[in-house]
Amino acid sequence: MTDAHTAAAVVESASAALARGLLAGPELGVDQRAEIAVLVAAAEAVTSRSAMHLTTRILELTQGADSAADPLGFDRFWRNTRVLTAQASPTHGLRDIGDHYLNGTHPALTLHA
């Protein structure tokens, strides 16, 4: 359960920073954009890890209680989580976060469609 609370706190922080950035509009500076990008990358990394941990644990618990095939279909949630988190690996984001805090660099600007 701590995974879910941690993910919620990190997402809340990133969402608040993003909202402030949107309100600033064109006045938003490069440093503020970098801070927002780092917070969003951290939120993506934490939520991906939390989702995998939680769904894996639920699958373990449901299959452990009943040795038959997963009658409730919890494996579907684990598979969906696996697919969604594999598409956006947090590796580059984590590297950007470390580089930002250790070296003061700004993450590369990327536009997602």
Protein backbone atom coordinates (compact mmCIF):
# COMPACT_ATOMS: atom_id res chain seq x y z
CA MET A 1 0.00 0.00 0.00
CA THR A 2 2.93 2.35 0.55
CA ASP A 3 3.66 2.07 -3.19
CA ALA A 4 0.27 3.54 -4.02
CA HIS A 5 0.63 6.37 -1.50
CA THR A 6 4.12 7.20 -2.74
CA ALA A 7 2.99 7.22 -6.36
CA ALA A 8 0.02 9.44 -5.50
CA ALA A 9 2.25 11.95 -3.68
CA VAL A 10 4.77 12.14 -6.53
CA VAL A 11 2.03 12.50 -9.15
CA GLU A 12 0.35 15.23 -7.08
CA SER A 13 3.60 17.17 -6.88
CA ALA A 14 4.24 16.84 -10.62
CA SER A 15 0.63 17.78 -11.44
CA ALA A 16 0.81 20.89 -9.26
CA ALA A 17 4.08 21.98 -10.88
CA LEU A 18 2.64 21.37 -14.34
CA ALA A 19 -0.48 23.40 -13.48
CA ARG A 20 1.69 26.29 -12.26
CA GLY A 21 3.72 26.05 -15.46
CA LEU A 22 0.62 26.19 -17.62
CA LEU A 23 -0.62 29.23 -15.72
CA ALA A 24 2.72 30.97 -16.26
CA GLY A 25 2.33 30.52 -20.01
CA PRO A 26 5.03 32.26 -22.06
CA GLU A 27 6.58 33.65 -18.87
CA LEU A 28 7.75 30.14 -17.95
CA GLY A 29 11.52 30.06 -18.00
CA VAL A 30 13.93 27.33 -19.02
CA ASP A 31 14.77 26.44 -15.42
CA GLN A 32 11.11 26.08 -14.48
CA ARG A 33 10.46 23.89 -17.53
CA ALA A 34 13.39 21.69 -16.50
CA GLU A 35 12.02 21.34 -12.97
CA ILE A 36 8.62 20.35 -14.33
CA ALA A 37 10.19 17.83 -16.71
CA VAL A 38 12.17 16.28 -13.87
CA LEU A 39 9.08 16.03 -11.64
CA VAL A 40 7.06 14.43 -14.44
CA ALA A 41 9.87 11.94 -15.19
CA ALA A 42 10.01 11.03 -11.50
CA ALA A 43 6.24 10.54 -11.43
CA GLU A 44 6.41 8.28 -14.49
CA ALA A 45 9.20 6.19 -12.97
CA VAL A 46 7.54 5.83 -9.57
CA THR A 47 4.09 5.03 -10.94
CA SER A 48 5.46 2.44 -13.38
CA ARG A 49 7.38 0.69 -10.63
CA SER A 50 4.43 0.88 -8.23
CA ALA A 51 1.95 -0.45 -10.77
CA MET A 52 4.17 -3.43 -11.57
CA HIS A 53 4.82 -4.18 -7.91
CA LEU A 54 1.15 -3.94 -6.93
CA THR A 55 -0.24 -6.00 -9.80
CA THR A 56 2.47 -8.64 -9.38
CA ARG A 57 1.72 -8.91 -5.67
CA ILE A 58 -2.04 -9.17 -6.27
CA LEU A 59 -1.46 -11.88 -8.86
CA GLU A 60 0.81 -13.79 -6.45
CA LEU A 61 -1.77 -13.58 -3.67
CA THR A 62 -4.71 -14.66 -5.80
CA GLN A 63 -2.87 -17.57 -7.39
CA GLY A 64 -1.37 -18.59 -4.06
CA ALA A 65 -4.80 -18.88 -2.45
CA ASP A 66 -6.15 -21.00 -5.29
CA SER A 67 -3.78 -23.24 -7.22
CA ALA A 68 -6.25 -23.44 -10.13
CA ALA A 69 -5.97 -21.06 -13.04
CA ASP A 70 -6.75 -17.47 -12.22
CA PRO A 71 -10.58 -17.65 -12.13
CA LEU A 72 -11.06 -13.91 -11.50
CA GLY A 73 -8.85 -12.82 -14.36
CA PHE A 74 -6.33 -10.85 -12.28
CA ASP A 75 -3.57 -11.92 -14.68
CA ARG A 76 -5.16 -9.62 -17.29
CA PHE A 77 -4.40 -6.58 -15.10
CA TRP A 78 -0.80 -7.73 -14.63
CA ARG A 79 -0.39 -8.22 -18.40
CA ASN A 80 -1.92 -4.82 -19.16
CA THR A 81 0.37 -3.15 -16.64
CA ARG A 82 3.36 -4.96 -18.08
CA VAL A 83 2.54 -3.77 -21.62
CA LEU A 84 1.86 -0.18 -20.58
CA THR A 85 5.00 0.17 -18.46
CA ALA A 86 7.22 -1.50 -21.06
CA GLN A 87 6.26 1.08 -23.68
CA ALA A 88 7.63 3.97 -21.62
CA SER A 89 10.75 2.74 -19.88
CA PRO A 90 11.76 5.17 -17.11
CA THR A 91 15.48 4.62 -17.76
CA HIS A 92 16.01 7.80 -19.78
CA GLY A 93 13.89 9.82 -17.38
CA LEU A 94 15.86 8.57 -14.40
CA ARG A 95 19.10 9.43 -16.17
CA ASP A 96 17.76 12.93 -16.86
CA ILE A 97 16.73 13.34 -13.22
CA GLY A 98 20.17 12.34 -11.95
CA ASP A 99 21.95 14.50 -14.49
CA HIS A 100 19.74 17.46 -13.59
CA TYR A 101 20.34 17.23 -9.84
CA LEU A 102 23.99 16.23 -10.02
CA ASN A 103 25.20 18.37 -12.93
CA GLY A 104 22.55 21.07 -13.27
CA THR A 105 21.66 20.08 -16.84
CA HIS A 106 18.20 20.45 -18.31
CA PRO A 107 16.34 17.46 -19.76
CA ALA A 108 16.01 17.49 -23.53
CA LEU A 109 12.80 19.08 -24.76
CA THR A 110 10.61 16.44 -26.40
CA LEU A 111 7.17 16.90 -27.86
CA HIS A 112 4.75 14.00 -27.63
CA ALA A 113 1.86 13.79 -30.04
